[in-house]
Amino acid sequence: MKYPIGALLLASLFSSCNNLNQKIVDTGYIDSLINNYTFPPLVKDNEKELLFWKNRIDPGRPGQVNESKYASALITRYHEQGDINDVKEAELLLKNINRTYNSTLSLPFIALTSSALLQHQFTQADTLFQKAKKIGINGFTSNTLSFDVNFELGRYNNAGYSLKQLEKGNDYSYYFRLSKYTHLNGTIDSAINAMLHAAGLVKESAYLQGIALSNAGDLYIHAGDLRKAADLYKNCIRLNCADFHSITGLGWIALVHDKNDTLAEKIFKFVQTKNKLPDPLFKLYQMAQGRGDKILEKKYASEFVAKATDTQYGEMYTKYLIEIYAGILDEPAKAESIGKEELNNRATPQTYAWYAYSLFANNKKDDAYKVFQQYISGEPLEGLELYYMGKMMNALGKGYNAQEFFKAANKNKYDLSPDMAKDLENNLQ
């Protein structure tokens, strides 16, 4: 039997629309995850490690090995439970090792460099890395840390050189960093493939594999393929049910794709009970925004700010604070202040875009445009920064430039807060 071409096209279109409208995050799956949650073996094993190495430390005879192992286990617990005090305690241990050995060992400086990167203390990380190099470290460690430090500081040529030195290793470290580098340059498919390849190289380590797969899930969100992102997040949760980054990722998909703010709220509140970082509050602020509840949105925004501005977090949350100060809390002067401070920590096209937008929000349009011309124009940006620049150009009467930024931001629309995504859609009409 022959079907008219028009009927086939309509059927195909209807099927395509159904696929787009299908919910991705299943309520039953989330309910089961929450109701049956128990601490995974990874967490239990690390608790044993903590106790073992802590009991071996003798305050009367300070050393290196026991203290370093205990510090490492504390950092692992931070990744699992989000208690910043674990990072601070680990740093004290490492600094004590330096005092004991008169800063003659490279290992404490290597660990402190990683800790500084973790806390977004990028200039400090560079200083610590240089001290480790001066004492002497192997080529692999030097190249991995050199890439990490230079990449975060916006020294992309130097980062690329270090990455090239790692290429012959053909290992997890290389492909993980290759993914970050190619993502920066806008080749998202290559970035995803590199991250998935990294995951495939460490199947014997559920922890490392989970980190790579979760990052690949994030990249799929950037690319707009939320179904693949969700599949990877669920794989990560199978590997480690305490992977709160992946659990949060499912909540984000429930919010921005499924438009199920109730399920998203349930997920974010669950994560909040298990993880001590401010991040769940930021997601709850975005959830309330998606729901259209301005009172609740302001409540969660204020709670996030109160927690994220605690001095122990330093500049870890600058990006998110600028969004809130320039938005729902309507305190653009604070956005400008922390945006300017961030440039002392790392001056990259992204951080200049945050600063330019904060100037714009604070009604300093000419200053904002000067920053754009000098530091941002022609540089690689991600969805949020592209949206910011589109808003700026629109207000400056540069309609063509605004549309170009909006079109580019639309490719990463699922990175944006719900109100931004709606505003972007309106600006593209």
Protein backbone atom coordinates (compact mmCIF):
# COMPACT_ATOMS: atom_id res chain seq x y z
CA MET A 1 0.00 0.00 0.00
CA LYS A 2 1.33 3.44 -0.93
CA TYR A 3 1.06 6.41 1.45
CA PRO A 4 0.99 10.03 0.26
CA ILE A 5 4.31 11.79 0.83
CA GLY A 6 2.55 14.52 2.80
CA ALA A 7 1.08 11.97 5.19
CA LEU A 8 4.48 10.40 5.75
CA LEU A 9 6.04 13.78 6.49
CA LEU A 10 3.27 14.59 8.96
CA ALA A 11 3.70 11.23 10.69
CA SER A 12 7.45 11.76 10.89
CA LEU A 13 6.96 15.25 12.30
CA PHE A 14 4.43 14.00 14.86
CA SER A 15 6.81 11.24 15.95
CA SER A 16 9.66 13.74 16.27
CA CYS A 17 7.54 16.09 18.39
CA ASN A 18 6.51 13.20 20.64
CA ASN A 19 10.16 12.31 21.21
CA LEU A 20 11.00 15.92 22.07
CA ASN A 21 8.11 16.11 24.55
CA GLN A 22 8.81 12.78 26.23
CA LYS A 23 9.88 13.01 29.86
CA ILE A 24 13.44 11.91 30.48
CA VAL A 25 13.68 11.63 34.26
CA ASP A 26 11.37 8.95 35.64
CA THR A 27 9.70 9.72 38.96
CA GLY A 28 9.73 6.04 39.95
CA TYR A 29 13.49 5.85 39.41
CA ILE A 30 14.08 8.91 41.60
CA ASP A 31 11.76 7.64 44.33
CA SER A 32 13.60 4.32 44.38
CA LEU A 33 16.98 6.05 44.44
CA ILE A 34 16.00 8.22 47.40
CA ASN A 35 14.07 5.60 49.38
CA ASN A 36 16.76 2.92 49.02
CA TYR A 37 19.78 5.16 49.46
CA THR A 38 22.63 3.75 51.53
CA PHE A 39 26.25 4.81 51.82
CA PRO A 40 28.11 3.08 48.96
CA PRO A 41 31.22 0.92 49.44
CA LEU A 42 33.44 3.75 48.19
CA VAL A 43 32.34 5.96 51.08
CA LYS A 44 32.63 3.19 53.65
CA ASP A 45 36.10 2.24 52.43
CA ASN A 46 37.28 5.82 52.69
CA GLU A 47 35.98 6.09 56.24
CA LYS A 48 38.17 3.10 57.12
CA GLU A 49 41.12 4.80 55.42
CA LEU A 50 40.51 7.97 57.42
CA LEU A 51 40.44 6.13 60.72
CA PHE A 52 43.50 4.02 59.86
CA TRP A 53 45.76 6.91 58.88
CA LYS A 54 44.52 9.24 61.60
CA ASN A 55 45.38 6.66 64.26
CA ARG A 56 48.90 6.30 62.85
CA ILE A 57 49.70 10.00 63.25
CA ASP A 58 51.86 10.69 66.31
CA PRO A 59 51.82 14.42 67.22
CA GLY A 60 55.05 13.88 69.12
CA ARG A 61 56.81 12.46 66.06
CA PRO A 62 55.46 14.32 63.03
CA GLY A 63 56.23 12.79 59.64
CA GLN A 64 55.13 12.72 56.04
CA VAL A 65 53.49 9.44 55.01
CA ASN A 66 50.71 9.12 57.60
CA GLU A 67 49.83 12.80 57.41
CA SER A 68 49.78 12.81 53.60
CA LYS A 69 47.59 9.72 53.42
CA TYR A 70 45.17 11.15 55.97
CA ALA A 71 45.04 14.46 54.06
CA SER A 72 44.27 12.57 50.84
CA ALA A 73 41.44 10.67 52.51
CA LEU A 74 40.01 13.96 53.81
CA ILE A 75 39.95 15.37 50.26
CA THR A 76 38.17 12.22 49.09
CA ARG A 77 35.54 12.68 51.80
CA TYR A 78 35.10 16.30 50.70
CA HIS A 79 34.27 15.07 47.20
CA GLU A 80 31.76 12.65 48.69
CA GLN A 81 30.07 14.83 51.31
CA GLY A 82 30.99 18.42 50.47
CA ASP A 83 32.31 19.51 53.85
CA ILE A 84 34.82 22.30 53.15
CA ASN A 85 36.28 21.79 56.63
CA ASP A 86 37.82 18.54 55.36
CA VAL A 87 39.76 20.54 52.76
CA LYS A 88 40.92 23.04 55.35
CA GLU A 89 42.07 20.26 57.70
CA ALA A 90 43.93 18.55 54.86
CA GLU A 91 45.71 21.81 54.05
CA LEU A 92 46.80 22.25 57.67
CA LEU A 93 48.31 18.77 57.64
CA LEU A 94 50.20 19.48 54.42
CA LYS A 95 51.48 22.80 55.73
CA ASN A 96 52.65 21.05 58.91
CA ILE A 97 54.62 18.61 56.76
CA ASN A 98 56.27 21.59 55.09
CA ARG A 99 57.22 23.01 58.49
CA THR A 100 58.56 19.67 59.68
CA TYR A 101 60.77 19.24 56.61
CA ASN A 102 61.56 22.93 56.06
CA SER A 103 59.70 22.95 52.71
CA THR A 104 62.21 20.56 51.14
CA LEU A 105 59.64 18.02 49.89
CA SER A 106 57.71 18.47 46.66
CA LEU A 107 54.76 16.20 47.58
CA PRO A 108 53.06 18.63 50.00
CA PHE A 109 53.32 21.43 47.44
CA ILE A 110 51.82 19.17 44.75
CA ALA A 111 48.89 18.30 47.02
CA LEU A 112 48.45 21.95 48.05
CA THR A 113 48.39 22.95 44.37
CA SER A 114 45.55 20.52 43.73
CA SER A 115 43.74 21.77 46.83
CA ALA A 116 44.08 25.38 45.68
CA LEU A 117 42.66 24.47 42.27
CA LEU A 118 39.77 22.72 43.99
CA GLN A 119 38.96 25.93 45.85
CA HIS A 120 39.34 28.16 42.77
CA GLN A 121 42.47 29.77 44.22
CA PHE A 122 44.14 29.78 40.82
CA THR A 123 46.89 32.35 41.34
CA GLN A 124 47.82 30.65 44.62
CA ALA A 125 47.84 27.31 42.82
CA ASP A 126 50.39 28.67 40.34
CA THR A 127 52.64 29.88 43.17
CA LEU A 128 52.51 26.48 44.90
CA PHE A 129 53.12 24.64 41.63
CA GLN A 130 56.22 26.70 40.92
CA LYS A 131 57.58 25.81 44.38
CA ALA A 132 57.01 22.12 43.70
CA LYS A 133 58.80 22.39 40.35
CA LYS A 134 61.74 24.16 41.94
CA ILE A 135 62.19 21.30 44.41
CA GLY A 136 61.79 18.73 41.64
CA ILE A 137 58.87 16.69 40.30
CA ASN A 138 58.53 14.06 37.57
CA GLY A 139 57.53 14.99 34.03
CA PHE A 140 54.04 13.50 34.18
CA THR A 141 53.08 15.38 37.35
CA SER A 142 54.64 18.56 36.02
CA ASN A 143 52.71 18.39 32.74
CA THR A 144 49.35 17.50 34.31
CA LEU A 145 49.53 20.29 36.89
CA SER A 146 50.96 22.71 34.34
CA PHE A 147 47.95 22.07 32.12
CA ASP A 148 45.48 22.44 35.01
CA VAL A 149 46.98 25.68 36.33
CA ASN A 150 47.52 27.32 32.94
CA PHE A 151 44.10 26.30 31.66
CA GLU A 152 42.32 27.84 34.65
CA LEU A 153 44.40 31.01 34.41
CA GLY A 154 43.54 31.43 30.73
CA ARG A 155 47.05 30.71 29.47
CA TYR A 156 45.69 28.44 26.80
CA ASN A 157 48.83 28.22 24.66
CA ASN A 158 50.85 27.05 27.65
CA ALA A 159 48.10 24.59 28.55
CA GLY A 160 48.12 23.28 24.99
CA TYR A 161 51.88 22.76 25.13
CA SER A 162 51.60 20.75 28.36
CA LEU A 163 48.77 18.70 26.86
CA LYS A 164 50.99 17.87 23.88
CA GLN A 165 53.62 16.51 26.28
CA LEU A 166 51.00 14.20 27.79
CA GLU A 167 49.80 12.89 24.42
CA LYS A 168 52.29 10.03 24.20
CA GLY A 169 50.92 8.63 27.47
CA ASN A 170 47.60 7.80 25.79
CA ASP A 171 46.00 7.50 29.23
CA TYR A 172 43.09 8.77 31.34
CA SER A 173 44.86 11.97 32.36
CA TYR A 174 45.56 12.91 28.76
CA TYR A 175 42.08 12.26 27.37
CA PHE A 176 40.37 13.90 30.34
CA ARG A 177 42.33 17.10 29.73
CA LEU A 178 42.03 16.80 25.95
CA SER A 179 38.26 16.90 26.45
CA LYS A 180 38.47 20.15 28.42
CA TYR A 181 40.77 21.70 25.82
CA THR A 182 38.67 20.75 22.81
CA HIS A 183 35.50 21.91 24.58
CA LEU A 184 37.13 25.31 25.08
CA ASN A 185 37.75 25.49 21.33
CA GLY A 186 34.12 24.72 20.57
CA THR A 187 34.44 21.17 19.24
CA ILE A 188 31.86 19.61 21.54
CA ASP A 189 31.64 16.23 19.76
CA SER A 190 35.41 15.75 20.06
CA ALA A 191 35.24 16.79 23.71
CA ILE A 192 32.56 14.18 24.41
CA ASN A 193 34.46 11.45 22.57
CA ALA A 194 37.67 12.23 24.46
CA MET A 195 35.89 12.13 27.83
CA LEU A 196 34.17 8.83 27.00
CA HIS A 197 37.52 7.42 25.90
CA ALA A 198 39.02 8.50 29.23
CA ALA A 199 36.24 6.62 31.03
CA GLY A 200 36.91 3.50 28.98
CA LEU A 201 40.56 3.47 30.04
CA VAL A 202 39.82 3.16 33.78
CA LYS A 203 37.11 0.51 34.00
CA GLU A 204 38.94 -0.98 36.99
CA SER A 205 38.34 2.25 38.95
CA ALA A 206 34.67 3.03 39.56
CA TYR A 207 35.68 6.36 41.08
CA LEU A 208 37.69 7.66 38.10
CA GLN A 209 35.29 6.19 35.58
CA GLY A 210 32.38 7.90 37.31
CA ILE A 211 34.12 11.29 37.23
CA ALA A 212 34.71 11.01 33.47
CA LEU A 213 31.21 9.75 32.68
CA SER A 214 29.64 12.50 34.79
CA ASN A 215 31.70 15.09 32.93
CA ALA A 216 30.61 13.55 29.64
CA GLY A 217 27.02 13.90 30.85
CA ASP A 218 27.63 17.60 31.45
CA LEU A 219 28.99 17.91 27.93
CA TYR A 220 25.89 16.27 26.50
CA ILE A 221 23.81 18.90 28.32
CA HIS A 222 25.97 21.60 26.68
CA ALA A 223 25.30 19.92 23.34
CA GLY A 224 21.55 19.73 23.99
CA ASP A 225 21.31 15.93 24.08
CA LEU A 226 19.73 15.56 27.49
CA ARG A 227 18.64 11.97 27.02
CA LYS A 228 22.24 10.82 26.56
CA ALA A 229 23.25 13.00 29.50
CA ALA A 230 20.64 11.30 31.70
CA ASP A 231 21.80 7.83 30.62
CA LEU A 232 25.37 8.67 31.61
CA TYR A 233 24.30 10.18 34.92
CA LYS A 234 22.40 6.97 35.73
CA ASN A 235 25.49 4.92 34.82
CA CYS A 236 27.48 7.05 37.28
CA ILE A 237 24.91 6.50 40.01
CA ARG A 238 25.13 2.73 39.42
CA LEU A 239 28.87 3.02 39.96
CA ASN A 240 28.50 5.24 43.01
CA CYS A 241 25.09 6.05 44.49
CA ALA A 242 26.73 8.98 46.34
CA ASP A 243 27.55 10.72 43.05
CA PHE A 244 25.56 13.82 43.95
CA HIS A 245 26.81 15.70 40.90
CA SER A 246 25.08 13.16 38.65
CA ILE A 247 21.98 13.06 40.84
CA THR A 248 21.82 16.86 40.62
CA GLY A 249 22.25 16.56 36.86
CA LEU A 250 19.07 14.47 36.69
CA GLY A 251 17.30 17.14 38.71
CA TRP A 252 18.44 19.77 36.24
CA ILE A 253 17.10 17.74 33.30
CA ALA A 254 13.79 17.28 35.14
CA LEU A 255 13.61 21.06 35.55
CA VAL A 256 14.73 22.44 32.18
CA HIS A 257 13.55 19.67 29.83
CA ASP A 258 10.70 17.84 31.54
CA LYS A 259 9.38 21.05 33.16
CA ASN A 260 8.79 18.99 36.31
CA ASP A 261 9.79 21.46 39.00
CA THR A 262 8.25 19.25 41.70
CA LEU A 263 10.54 16.35 40.87
CA ALA A 264 13.51 18.70 40.49
CA GLU A 265 12.78 20.15 43.93
CA LYS A 266 12.63 16.66 45.43
CA ILE A 267 16.02 15.77 43.93
CA PHE A 268 17.74 18.99 44.97
CA LYS A 269 16.37 18.76 48.52
CA PHE A 270 17.58 15.17 48.78
CA VAL A 271 21.08 16.20 47.70
CA GLN A 272 20.93 19.03 50.24
CA THR A 273 20.47 16.48 53.05
CA LYS A 274 23.57 14.56 51.97
CA ASN A 275 25.98 17.24 50.75
CA LYS A 276 27.07 20.29 52.74
CA LEU A 277 28.09 22.59 49.87
CA PRO A 278 25.95 25.61 48.88
CA ASP A 279 25.27 24.12 45.41
CA PRO A 280 21.85 22.55 46.19
CA LEU A 281 20.57 25.96 47.33
CA PHE A 282 21.56 27.45 43.98
CA LYS A 283 19.66 24.71 42.20
CA LEU A 284 16.65 25.30 44.43
CA TYR A 285 16.77 29.00 43.52
CA GLN A 286 16.69 27.97 39.85
CA MET A 287 13.87 25.53 40.55
CA ALA A 288 11.77 28.28 42.13
CA GLN A 289 12.54 30.46 39.12
CA GLY A 290 11.31 27.73 36.80
CA ARG A 291 8.16 27.43 38.89
CA GLY A 292 7.56 31.17 38.62
CA ASP A 293 7.52 31.64 42.40
CA LYS A 294 9.42 34.90 42.96
CA ILE A 295 9.08 34.80 46.75
CA LEU A 296 10.58 31.30 46.92
CA GLU A 297 13.21 32.23 44.34
CA LYS A 298 14.37 35.18 46.44
CA LYS A 299 14.33 33.04 49.58
CA TYR A 300 16.64 30.39 48.12
CA ALA A 301 18.82 33.02 46.44
CA SER A 302 19.33 34.77 49.78
CA GLU A 303 20.09 31.48 51.53
CA PHE A 304 22.61 30.57 48.86
CA VAL A 305 24.33 33.96 49.15
CA ALA A 306 24.50 33.70 52.95
CA LYS A 307 26.25 30.33 52.69
CA ALA A 308 28.40 30.87 49.59
CA THR A 309 29.86 34.15 50.88
CA ASP A 310 31.24 32.46 53.99
CA THR A 311 34.97 33.23 53.98
CA GLN A 312 35.89 29.55 53.97
CA TYR A 313 34.57 29.25 50.40
CA GLY A 314 36.68 32.15 49.16
CA GLU A 315 35.93 32.78 45.47
CA MET A 316 34.47 29.38 44.67
CA TYR A 317 31.03 30.78 43.83
CA THR A 318 31.75 34.09 42.08
CA LYS A 319 30.00 33.06 38.85
CA TYR A 320 26.77 32.17 40.65
CA LEU A 321 26.84 35.16 43.00
CA ILE A 322 27.09 37.54 40.04
CA GLU A 323 24.00 35.96 38.48
CA ILE A 324 22.03 36.38 41.70
CA TYR A 325 23.26 39.88 42.61
CA ALA A 326 22.64 41.13 39.06
CA GLY A 327 19.28 39.38 38.99
CA ILE A 328 16.74 38.50 41.65
CA LEU A 329 18.49 40.32 44.54
CA ASP A 330 19.02 43.47 42.45
CA GLU A 331 22.37 44.40 44.02
CA PRO A 332 24.47 45.11 40.90
CA ALA A 333 27.16 46.99 42.83
CA LYS A 334 27.98 43.77 44.69
CA ALA A 335 28.05 41.90 41.38
CA GLU A 336 30.53 44.44 40.02
CA SER A 337 32.71 44.28 43.12
CA ILE A 338 33.13 40.50 43.14
CA GLY A 339 33.45 40.44 39.36
CA LYS A 340 36.41 42.80 39.62
CA GLU A 341 37.95 40.77 42.46
CA GLU A 342 37.72 37.60 40.37
CA LEU A 343 40.02 39.14 37.75
CA ASN A 344 42.82 39.14 40.34
CA ASN A 345 42.25 35.41 40.76
CA ARG A 346 42.01 34.58 37.05
CA ALA A 347 41.66 36.89 34.08
CA THR A 348 40.08 34.87 31.26
CA PRO A 349 37.54 35.75 28.56
CA GLN A 350 34.89 34.10 30.74
CA THR A 351 35.69 36.07 33.89
CA TYR A 352 35.95 39.29 31.90
CA ALA A 353 32.49 38.52 30.52
CA TRP A 354 31.17 38.18 34.09
CA TYR A 355 32.78 41.51 34.98
CA ALA A 356 31.49 43.25 31.85
CA TYR A 357 27.98 42.01 32.53
CA SER A 358 28.15 43.16 36.15
CA LEU A 359 29.22 46.63 34.96
CA PHE A 360 26.32 46.62 32.51
CA ALA A 361 23.90 45.55 35.25
CA ASN A 362 25.24 48.40 37.40
CA ASN A 363 24.38 50.87 34.61
CA LYS A 364 28.01 51.37 33.53
CA LYS A 365 27.40 50.51 29.90
CA ASP A 366 30.35 52.39 28.42
CA ASP A 367 32.78 50.73 30.83
CA ALA A 368 31.23 47.36 30.09
CA TYR A 369 31.65 47.84 26.36
CA LYS A 370 35.31 48.85 26.78
CA VAL A 371 35.95 45.62 28.69
CA PHE A 372 34.20 43.70 25.94
CA GLN A 373 36.29 45.29 23.19
CA GLN A 374 39.59 44.78 24.99
CA TYR A 375 39.24 41.35 26.56
CA ILE A 376 36.21 39.45 25.24
CA SER A 377 35.55 40.14 21.57
CA GLY A 378 36.49 37.17 19.39
CA GLU A 379 37.32 34.92 22.36
CA PRO A 380 35.64 31.55 23.10
CA LEU A 381 32.68 31.77 25.48
CA GLU A 382 30.09 29.37 26.86
CA GLY A 383 26.30 29.65 27.02
CA LEU A 384 25.99 31.91 30.06
CA GLU A 385 28.64 34.36 28.89
CA LEU A 386 27.23 34.39 25.34
CA TYR A 387 23.82 35.25 26.77
CA TYR A 388 25.33 38.02 28.92
CA MET A 389 27.06 39.55 25.91
CA GLY A 390 23.85 39.33 23.88
CA LYS A 391 21.98 41.26 26.57
CA MET A 392 24.72 43.88 26.64
CA MET A 393 24.81 44.33 22.87
CA ASN A 394 21.03 44.59 22.75
CA ALA A 395 21.01 47.37 25.34
CA LEU A 396 23.80 49.16 23.48
CA GLY A 397 21.73 49.19 20.30
CA LYS A 398 23.95 46.70 18.50
CA GLY A 399 21.16 44.46 17.30
CA TYR A 400 23.15 42.36 14.82
CA ASN A 401 25.87 41.57 17.39
CA ALA A 402 23.20 40.77 19.97
CA GLN A 403 21.53 38.28 17.66
CA GLU A 404 24.82 36.57 16.89
CA PHE A 405 25.49 36.11 20.60
CA PHE A 406 21.94 34.94 21.24
CA LYS A 407 22.15 32.40 18.41
CA ALA A 408 25.42 31.05 19.81
CA ALA A 409 23.96 30.93 23.34
CA ASN A 410 20.96 29.01 22.06
CA LYS A 411 23.23 26.09 21.22
CA ASN A 412 23.89 25.81 24.97
CA LYS A 413 20.43 26.89 26.13
CA TYR A 414 20.16 24.11 28.70
CA ASP A 415 23.07 25.67 30.59
CA LEU A 416 20.95 28.72 31.35
CA SER A 417 18.67 29.40 34.31
CA PRO A 418 14.96 29.09 33.39
CA ASP A 419 14.30 32.84 33.18
CA MET A 420 17.39 33.33 31.02
CA ALA A 421 16.27 30.56 28.69
CA LYS A 422 12.83 32.18 28.32
CA ASP A 423 14.37 35.60 27.74
CA LEU A 424 16.73 34.10 25.16
CA GLU A 425 13.82 32.53 23.32
CA ASN A 426 11.98 35.87 23.27
CA ASN A 427 15.04 37.67 21.93
CA LEU A 428 15.40 35.17 19.10
CA GLN A 429 11.82 35.62 17.86
